[in-house]
């Protein structure tokens, strides 16, 4: 079943729902390291929506509730004759809405944005705990071609 949604740039009024969605699905590395109050995210949200190389989107249902969110960043580089790389971050679908095609629609939206920006690739990382997400990305045509490493600074 595919849910009918609209994908739009996130606005300040969406922030509370965005924070709720990303925190409900926190993996072990984030648990206990995030702020409890959604208002604490306002400076980060403002920085993201005003950055020319990044943006945050929400998927809205017919009632204008946020049912999904993702961030996209465009990175400059030398490879591929200087074409940017698009990186998707923080892809989340509200738990009660998973399996309804929302994630696929958001990923298709991100791919359209990346193609419009002449990006050479669309890349992402996924926490190793998220095995269901890994299968999802493989079904969408992503290759698990690299190892990723992170060093937590908080």
N, C-alpha and C. Protein backbone atom coordinates (compact mmCIF):
# COMPACT_ATOMS: atom_id res chain seq x y z
N UNK A 1 0.84 -1.19 0.00
CA UNK A 1 0.00 0.00 0.00
C UNK A 1 0.89 1.24 0.00
N UNK A 2 0.58 2.19 -0.85
CA UNK A 2 1.34 3.43 -0.92
C UNK A 2 0.49 4.56 -0.39
N UNK A 3 1.00 5.23 0.63
CA UNK A 3 0.29 6.36 1.22
C UNK A 3 0.41 7.57 0.33
N UNK A 4 -0.64 8.37 0.30
CA UNK A 4 -0.63 9.63 -0.43
C UNK A 4 0.02 10.68 0.47
N UNK A 5 1.15 11.20 0.01
CA UNK A 5 1.88 12.20 0.78
C UNK A 5 2.32 13.34 -0.13
N UNK A 6 2.71 14.43 0.51
CA UNK A 6 3.37 15.55 -0.17
C UNK A 6 4.74 15.70 0.48
N UNK A 7 5.77 15.93 -0.31
CA UNK A 7 7.10 16.17 0.23
C UNK A 7 7.44 17.62 -0.01
N UNK A 8 7.73 18.33 1.07
CA UNK A 8 8.01 19.76 1.01
C UNK A 8 9.22 20.09 1.88
N UNK A 9 9.81 21.25 1.62
CA UNK A 9 10.87 21.72 2.52
C UNK A 9 10.29 21.92 3.90
N UNK A 10 11.03 21.51 4.89
CA UNK A 10 10.57 21.65 6.27
C UNK A 10 10.51 23.12 6.66
N UNK A 11 9.52 23.45 7.46
CA UNK A 11 9.32 24.80 7.99
C UNK A 11 9.42 24.73 9.51
N UNK A 12 9.63 25.85 10.16
CA UNK A 12 9.75 25.84 11.63
C UNK A 12 8.60 25.14 12.34
N UNK A 13 7.40 25.24 11.81
CA UNK A 13 6.25 24.59 12.43
C UNK A 13 6.29 23.07 12.40
N UNK A 14 7.20 22.50 11.60
CA UNK A 14 7.33 21.05 11.52
C UNK A 14 8.35 20.50 12.52
N UNK A 15 9.11 21.38 13.15
CA UNK A 15 10.25 20.94 13.94
C UNK A 15 9.88 19.98 15.07
N UNK A 16 8.82 20.27 15.79
CA UNK A 16 8.44 19.40 16.91
C UNK A 16 8.21 17.96 16.43
N UNK A 17 7.51 17.81 15.30
CA UNK A 17 7.22 16.47 14.77
C UNK A 17 8.48 15.81 14.22
N UNK A 18 9.36 16.59 13.61
CA UNK A 18 10.63 16.04 13.09
C UNK A 18 11.44 15.46 14.25
N UNK A 19 11.58 16.23 15.31
CA UNK A 19 12.37 15.78 16.46
C UNK A 19 11.76 14.51 17.06
N UNK A 20 10.44 14.48 17.16
CA UNK A 20 9.78 13.29 17.72
C UNK A 20 10.08 12.06 16.87
N UNK A 21 10.02 12.21 15.54
CA UNK A 21 10.25 11.06 14.66
C UNK A 21 11.69 10.58 14.73
N UNK A 22 12.65 11.50 14.72
CA UNK A 22 14.05 11.04 14.73
C UNK A 22 14.44 10.49 16.10
N UNK A 23 13.86 10.99 17.16
CA UNK A 23 14.24 10.49 18.48
C UNK A 23 13.57 9.17 18.84
N UNK A 24 12.38 8.91 18.30
CA UNK A 24 11.72 7.64 18.61
C UNK A 24 12.51 6.46 18.02
N UNK A 25 13.23 6.72 16.95
CA UNK A 25 14.00 5.65 16.32
C UNK A 25 15.48 5.70 16.62
N UNK A 26 15.87 6.37 17.69
CA UNK A 26 17.29 6.51 18.01
C UNK A 26 17.96 5.15 18.21
N UNK A 27 19.11 4.99 17.59
CA UNK A 27 19.89 3.77 17.79
C UNK A 27 20.72 3.92 19.06
N UNK A 28 21.38 2.86 19.45
CA UNK A 28 22.11 2.87 20.72
C UNK A 28 23.17 3.96 20.80
N UNK A 29 23.78 4.32 19.69
CA UNK A 29 24.82 5.35 19.73
C UNK A 29 24.25 6.73 20.08
N UNK A 30 22.97 6.96 19.78
CA UNK A 30 22.34 8.26 20.07
C UNK A 30 21.58 8.28 21.39
N UNK A 31 21.20 7.13 21.88
CA UNK A 31 20.40 7.10 23.10
C UNK A 31 21.16 7.73 24.25
N UNK A 32 20.50 8.64 24.93
CA UNK A 32 21.11 9.33 26.06
C UNK A 32 22.02 10.47 25.67
N UNK A 33 22.15 10.76 24.37
CA UNK A 33 23.03 11.84 23.90
C UNK A 33 22.25 12.97 23.25
N UNK A 34 20.95 12.85 23.20
CA UNK A 34 20.12 13.87 22.57
C UNK A 34 19.42 14.70 23.62
N UNK A 35 19.01 15.90 23.21
CA UNK A 35 18.27 16.79 24.10
C UNK A 35 16.83 16.31 24.24
N UNK A 36 16.24 16.57 25.37
CA UNK A 36 14.86 16.13 25.62
C UNK A 36 13.84 17.10 25.04
N UNK A 37 14.17 18.34 24.90
CA UNK A 37 13.21 19.36 24.45
C UNK A 37 13.39 19.67 22.97
N UNK A 38 12.31 19.65 22.23
CA UNK A 38 12.40 19.90 20.78
C UNK A 38 12.90 21.31 20.48
N UNK A 39 12.63 22.27 21.37
CA UNK A 39 13.08 23.66 21.14
C UNK A 39 14.61 23.76 21.09
N UNK A 40 15.29 22.82 21.72
CA UNK A 40 16.75 22.82 21.71
C UNK A 40 17.31 22.60 20.31
N UNK A 41 16.49 22.13 19.39
CA UNK A 41 16.91 21.85 18.03
C UNK A 41 16.73 23.05 17.09
N UNK A 42 16.12 24.12 17.57
CA UNK A 42 15.84 25.27 16.71
C UNK A 42 17.09 25.88 16.07
N UNK A 43 18.19 26.10 16.80
CA UNK A 43 19.37 26.66 16.13
C UNK A 43 19.91 25.75 15.02
N UNK A 44 19.91 24.44 15.26
CA UNK A 44 20.39 23.51 14.24
C UNK A 44 19.47 23.52 13.02
N UNK A 45 18.17 23.59 13.27
CA UNK A 45 17.20 23.64 12.18
C UNK A 45 17.43 24.89 11.34
N UNK A 46 17.57 26.03 11.99
CA UNK A 46 17.80 27.30 11.27
C UNK A 46 19.08 27.23 10.44
N UNK A 47 20.14 26.68 11.01
CA UNK A 47 21.40 26.56 10.28
C UNK A 47 21.24 25.67 9.05
N UNK A 48 20.49 24.61 9.20
CA UNK A 48 20.28 23.68 8.09
C UNK A 48 19.46 24.31 6.98
N UNK A 49 18.37 24.96 7.31
CA UNK A 49 17.50 25.51 6.25
C UNK A 49 18.09 26.75 5.59
N UNK A 50 19.06 27.38 6.22
CA UNK A 50 19.68 28.55 5.59
C UNK A 50 20.99 28.21 4.88
N UNK A 51 21.49 26.99 5.03
CA UNK A 51 22.73 26.58 4.36
C UNK A 51 22.46 26.34 2.88
N UNK A 52 23.26 26.92 2.01
CA UNK A 52 23.00 26.73 0.57
C UNK A 52 23.27 25.32 0.07
N UNK A 53 24.07 24.54 0.81
CA UNK A 53 24.43 23.21 0.36
C UNK A 53 23.61 22.10 1.01
N UNK A 54 22.58 22.46 1.78
CA UNK A 54 21.81 21.44 2.50
C UNK A 54 20.36 21.86 2.61
N UNK A 55 19.53 20.87 2.91
CA UNK A 55 18.11 21.16 3.16
C UNK A 55 17.49 19.99 3.91
N UNK A 56 16.34 20.24 4.48
CA UNK A 56 15.60 19.22 5.20
C UNK A 56 14.18 19.21 4.65
N UNK A 57 13.67 18.01 4.42
CA UNK A 57 12.34 17.84 3.84
C UNK A 57 11.46 17.02 4.79
N UNK A 58 10.17 17.21 4.64
CA UNK A 58 9.20 16.41 5.38
C UNK A 58 8.18 15.83 4.41
N UNK A 59 7.69 14.65 4.78
CA UNK A 59 6.57 14.04 4.07
C UNK A 59 5.34 14.31 4.92
N UNK A 60 4.33 14.89 4.28
CA UNK A 60 3.09 15.25 4.98
C UNK A 60 1.94 14.39 4.47
N UNK A 61 1.10 13.93 5.39
CA UNK A 61 -0.08 13.18 4.98
C UNK A 61 -1.22 14.17 4.69
N UNK A 62 -2.41 13.64 4.40
CA UNK A 62 -3.55 14.50 4.06
C UNK A 62 -3.94 15.46 5.17
N UNK A 63 -3.61 15.09 6.42
CA UNK A 63 -3.92 15.96 7.57
C UNK A 63 -2.77 16.92 7.89
N UNK A 64 -1.78 17.01 6.99
CA UNK A 64 -0.58 17.84 7.17
C UNK A 64 0.24 17.45 8.38
N UNK A 65 0.19 16.18 8.77
CA UNK A 65 1.05 15.66 9.83
C UNK A 65 2.36 15.20 9.19
N UNK A 66 3.46 15.41 9.88
CA UNK A 66 4.76 14.93 9.42
C UNK A 66 4.81 13.42 9.64
N UNK A 67 4.95 12.68 8.54
CA UNK A 67 5.03 11.23 8.63
C UNK A 67 6.41 10.71 8.22
N UNK A 68 7.27 11.61 7.77
CA UNK A 68 8.63 11.24 7.40
C UNK A 68 9.49 12.47 7.23
N UNK A 69 10.78 12.27 7.26
CA UNK A 69 11.72 13.37 7.09
C UNK A 69 13.05 12.85 6.57
N UNK A 70 13.78 13.70 5.89
CA UNK A 70 15.16 13.41 5.51
C UNK A 70 15.89 14.71 5.25
N UNK A 71 17.22 14.62 5.34
CA UNK A 71 18.08 15.75 5.04
C UNK A 71 18.93 15.40 3.82
N UNK A 72 19.27 16.40 3.02
CA UNK A 72 20.15 16.19 1.87
C UNK A 72 21.23 17.26 1.89
N UNK A 73 22.45 16.83 1.61
CA UNK A 73 23.61 17.71 1.61
C UNK A 73 24.35 17.50 0.30
N UNK A 74 24.84 18.58 -0.27
CA UNK A 74 25.61 18.50 -1.50
C UNK A 74 27.05 18.85 -1.19
N UNK A 75 27.95 17.91 -1.49
CA UNK A 75 29.36 18.05 -1.16
C UNK A 75 30.17 18.29 -2.42
N UNK A 76 31.02 19.30 -2.39
CA UNK A 76 31.90 19.58 -3.52
C UNK A 76 33.08 18.63 -3.48
N UNK A 77 33.64 18.35 -4.65
CA UNK A 77 34.80 17.47 -4.73
C UNK A 77 35.48 17.58 -6.07
N UNK A 78 36.60 16.90 -6.20
CA UNK A 78 37.38 16.89 -7.44
C UNK A 78 36.95 15.73 -8.34
N UNK A 79 36.67 14.58 -7.75
CA UNK A 79 36.31 13.39 -8.53
C UNK A 79 35.09 13.67 -9.41
N UNK A 80 34.96 12.87 -10.44
CA UNK A 80 33.86 13.01 -11.40
C UNK A 80 33.78 14.42 -11.97
N UNK A 81 34.97 14.97 -12.26
CA UNK A 81 35.10 16.29 -12.89
C UNK A 81 34.43 17.39 -12.09
N UNK A 82 34.45 17.23 -10.78
CA UNK A 82 33.92 18.27 -9.91
C UNK A 82 32.42 18.23 -9.68
N UNK A 83 31.76 17.20 -10.18
CA UNK A 83 30.32 17.10 -9.92
C UNK A 83 30.10 16.85 -8.43
N UNK A 84 29.09 17.45 -7.84
CA UNK A 84 28.87 17.25 -6.41
C UNK A 84 28.38 15.83 -6.10
N UNK A 85 28.55 15.45 -4.86
CA UNK A 85 27.97 14.22 -4.33
C UNK A 85 26.80 14.65 -3.46
N UNK A 86 25.72 13.94 -3.54
CA UNK A 86 24.59 14.21 -2.66
C UNK A 86 24.59 13.16 -1.56
N UNK A 87 24.48 13.62 -0.34
CA UNK A 87 24.45 12.72 0.81
C UNK A 87 23.10 12.87 1.49
N UNK A 88 22.46 11.75 1.72
CA UNK A 88 21.19 11.74 2.44
C UNK A 88 21.48 11.38 3.89
N UNK A 89 20.86 12.11 4.79
CA UNK A 89 21.04 11.89 6.22
C UNK A 89 19.69 11.84 6.91
N UNK A 90 19.67 11.17 8.01
CA UNK A 90 18.54 11.20 8.94
C UNK A 90 17.20 10.92 8.24
N UNK A 91 17.17 9.79 7.54
CA UNK A 91 15.93 9.34 6.88
C UNK A 91 15.09 8.62 7.92
N UNK A 92 13.91 9.16 8.19
CA UNK A 92 13.04 8.55 9.21
C UNK A 92 11.59 8.59 8.74
N UNK A 93 10.88 7.51 9.01
CA UNK A 93 9.44 7.44 8.79
C UNK A 93 8.81 7.15 10.14
N UNK A 94 7.72 7.84 10.42
CA UNK A 94 7.01 7.62 11.69
C UNK A 94 6.70 6.13 11.82
N UNK A 95 6.97 5.53 12.98
CA UNK A 95 6.80 4.08 13.12
C UNK A 95 5.45 3.54 12.68
N UNK A 96 4.38 4.24 12.96
CA UNK A 96 3.05 3.74 12.58
C UNK A 96 2.76 3.88 11.09
N UNK A 97 3.69 4.49 10.34
CA UNK A 97 3.50 4.69 8.91
C UNK A 97 4.47 3.87 8.06
N UNK A 98 5.35 3.11 8.70
CA UNK A 98 6.32 2.32 7.95
C UNK A 98 5.62 1.23 7.16
N UNK A 99 6.19 0.93 5.99
CA UNK A 99 5.62 -0.10 5.13
C UNK A 99 4.57 0.43 4.17
N UNK A 100 4.35 1.74 4.17
CA UNK A 100 3.34 2.36 3.31
C UNK A 100 3.92 3.08 2.10
N UNK A 101 5.20 2.88 1.83
CA UNK A 101 5.82 3.50 0.65
C UNK A 101 6.35 4.90 0.87
N UNK A 102 6.28 5.41 2.08
CA UNK A 102 6.73 6.78 2.36
C UNK A 102 8.24 6.90 2.19
N UNK A 103 8.98 5.94 2.73
CA UNK A 103 10.43 5.96 2.59
C UNK A 103 10.86 5.94 1.13
N UNK A 104 10.24 5.11 0.35
CA UNK A 104 10.56 5.03 -1.09
C UNK A 104 10.27 6.37 -1.78
N UNK A 105 9.15 6.98 -1.46
CA UNK A 105 8.81 8.26 -2.07
C UNK A 105 9.82 9.35 -1.67
N UNK A 106 10.26 9.33 -0.42
CA UNK A 106 11.26 10.31 0.01
C UNK A 106 12.59 10.07 -0.69
N UNK A 107 12.98 8.80 -0.84
CA UNK A 107 14.24 8.50 -1.51
C UNK A 107 14.17 8.87 -2.99
N UNK A 108 13.03 8.64 -3.63
CA UNK A 108 12.86 9.05 -5.03
C UNK A 108 12.95 10.57 -5.14
N UNK A 109 12.37 11.28 -4.18
CA UNK A 109 12.42 12.74 -4.15
C UNK A 109 13.88 13.21 -4.03
N UNK A 110 14.62 12.59 -3.14
CA UNK A 110 16.03 12.95 -2.96
C UNK A 110 16.82 12.67 -4.23
N UNK A 111 16.53 11.56 -4.89
CA UNK A 111 17.23 11.25 -6.13
C UNK A 111 16.92 12.27 -7.21
N UNK A 112 15.68 12.70 -7.30
CA UNK A 112 15.32 13.75 -8.25
C UNK A 112 16.09 15.04 -7.98
N UNK A 113 16.20 15.41 -6.70
CA UNK A 113 16.97 16.61 -6.34
C UNK A 113 18.44 16.46 -6.73
N UNK A 114 19.00 15.28 -6.45
CA UNK A 114 20.41 15.04 -6.77
C UNK A 114 20.65 15.10 -8.28
N UNK A 115 19.76 14.50 -9.05
CA UNK A 115 19.90 14.55 -10.51
C UNK A 115 19.78 15.99 -11.01
N UNK A 116 18.85 16.75 -10.44
CA UNK A 116 18.68 18.15 -10.85
C UNK A 116 19.92 18.99 -10.55
N UNK A 117 20.66 18.61 -9.52
CA UNK A 117 21.88 19.32 -9.14
C UNK A 117 23.11 18.77 -9.86
N UNK A 118 22.90 17.84 -10.80
CA UNK A 118 23.97 17.21 -11.56
C UNK A 118 24.95 16.46 -10.66
N UNK A 119 24.44 15.90 -9.58
CA UNK A 119 25.29 15.12 -8.67
C UNK A 119 25.77 13.85 -9.37
N UNK A 120 26.98 13.42 -9.03
CA UNK A 120 27.53 12.20 -9.62
C UNK A 120 27.04 10.96 -8.89
N UNK A 121 26.59 11.12 -7.66
CA UNK A 121 26.09 9.98 -6.90
C UNK A 121 25.25 10.46 -5.73
N UNK A 122 24.48 9.53 -5.23
CA UNK A 122 23.67 9.74 -4.04
C UNK A 122 24.17 8.71 -3.04
N UNK A 123 24.60 9.18 -1.88
CA UNK A 123 25.19 8.27 -0.91
C UNK A 123 24.56 8.47 0.46
N UNK A 124 24.71 7.45 1.29
CA UNK A 124 24.18 7.53 2.65
C UNK A 124 24.91 6.52 3.51
N UNK A 125 24.79 6.73 4.80
CA UNK A 125 25.23 5.71 5.75
C UNK A 125 24.01 5.26 6.52
N UNK A 126 24.08 4.06 7.05
CA UNK A 126 22.99 3.53 7.84
C UNK A 126 23.59 2.78 9.01
N UNK A 127 23.10 3.07 10.19
CA UNK A 127 23.62 2.42 11.39
C UNK A 127 23.54 0.91 11.22
N UNK A 128 24.58 0.21 11.63
CA UNK A 128 24.62 -1.25 11.44
C UNK A 128 23.51 -1.97 12.18
N UNK A 129 22.88 -1.31 13.16
CA UNK A 129 21.75 -1.91 13.87
C UNK A 129 20.47 -1.95 13.03
N UNK A 130 20.41 -1.18 11.96
CA UNK A 130 19.19 -1.03 11.17
C UNK A 130 19.14 -2.00 9.99
N UNK A 131 19.07 -3.28 10.28
CA UNK A 131 19.10 -4.27 9.21
C UNK A 131 17.93 -4.12 8.23
N UNK A 132 16.76 -3.76 8.73
CA UNK A 132 15.61 -3.55 7.84
C UNK A 132 15.88 -2.42 6.86
N UNK A 133 16.52 -1.37 7.34
CA UNK A 133 16.88 -0.25 6.46
C UNK A 133 17.88 -0.68 5.41
N UNK A 134 18.82 -1.53 5.77
CA UNK A 134 19.82 -1.99 4.81
C UNK A 134 19.15 -2.72 3.64
N UNK A 135 18.20 -3.58 3.96
CA UNK A 135 17.46 -4.30 2.90
C UNK A 135 16.68 -3.31 2.04
N UNK A 136 16.10 -2.31 2.67
CA UNK A 136 15.35 -1.28 1.95
C UNK A 136 16.26 -0.57 0.94
N UNK A 137 17.43 -0.13 1.38
CA UNK A 137 18.34 0.60 0.49
C UNK A 137 18.84 -0.30 -0.64
N UNK A 138 19.11 -1.55 -0.33
CA UNK A 138 19.53 -2.48 -1.39
C UNK A 138 18.44 -2.66 -2.43
N UNK A 139 17.18 -2.76 -1.99
CA UNK A 139 16.04 -2.89 -2.93
C UNK A 139 15.92 -1.66 -3.83
N UNK A 140 16.35 -0.50 -3.32
CA UNK A 140 16.27 0.74 -4.11
C UNK A 140 17.46 0.91 -5.06
N UNK A 141 18.39 -0.05 -5.06
CA UNK A 141 19.51 0.00 -5.99
C UNK A 141 20.80 0.56 -5.42
N UNK A 142 20.86 0.77 -4.12
CA UNK A 142 22.10 1.24 -3.50
C UNK A 142 23.04 0.06 -3.32
N UNK A 143 24.33 0.29 -3.56
CA UNK A 143 25.34 -0.73 -3.35
C UNK A 143 25.99 -0.50 -2.00
N UNK A 144 26.24 -1.57 -1.30
CA UNK A 144 26.95 -1.48 -0.03
C UNK A 144 28.44 -1.60 -0.37
N UNK A 145 28.99 -0.52 -0.93
CA UNK A 145 30.31 -0.56 -1.53
C UNK A 145 31.45 -0.13 -0.61
N UNK A 146 31.15 0.53 0.49
CA UNK A 146 32.19 1.07 1.36
C UNK A 146 31.93 0.69 2.81
N UNK A 147 32.98 0.71 3.60
CA UNK A 147 32.83 0.64 5.04
C UNK A 147 32.76 2.08 5.53
N UNK A 148 31.98 2.32 6.53
CA UNK A 148 31.90 3.66 7.11
C UNK A 148 32.44 3.65 8.52
N UNK A 149 33.03 4.76 8.92
CA UNK A 149 33.57 4.88 10.26
C UNK A 149 33.11 6.20 10.85
N UNK A 150 32.85 6.16 12.13
CA UNK A 150 32.45 7.38 12.84
C UNK A 150 33.17 7.42 14.18
N UNK A 151 33.48 8.61 14.60
CA UNK A 151 34.07 8.82 15.92
C UNK A 151 33.19 9.81 16.62
N UNK A 152 32.52 9.39 17.66
CA UNK A 152 31.60 10.26 18.40
C UNK A 152 32.40 11.31 19.17
N UNK A 153 31.97 12.55 19.06
CA UNK A 153 32.62 13.67 19.76
C UNK A 153 31.74 14.27 20.83
N UNK A 154 30.55 13.69 21.01
CA UNK A 154 29.63 14.17 22.06
C UNK A 154 29.32 13.03 23.01
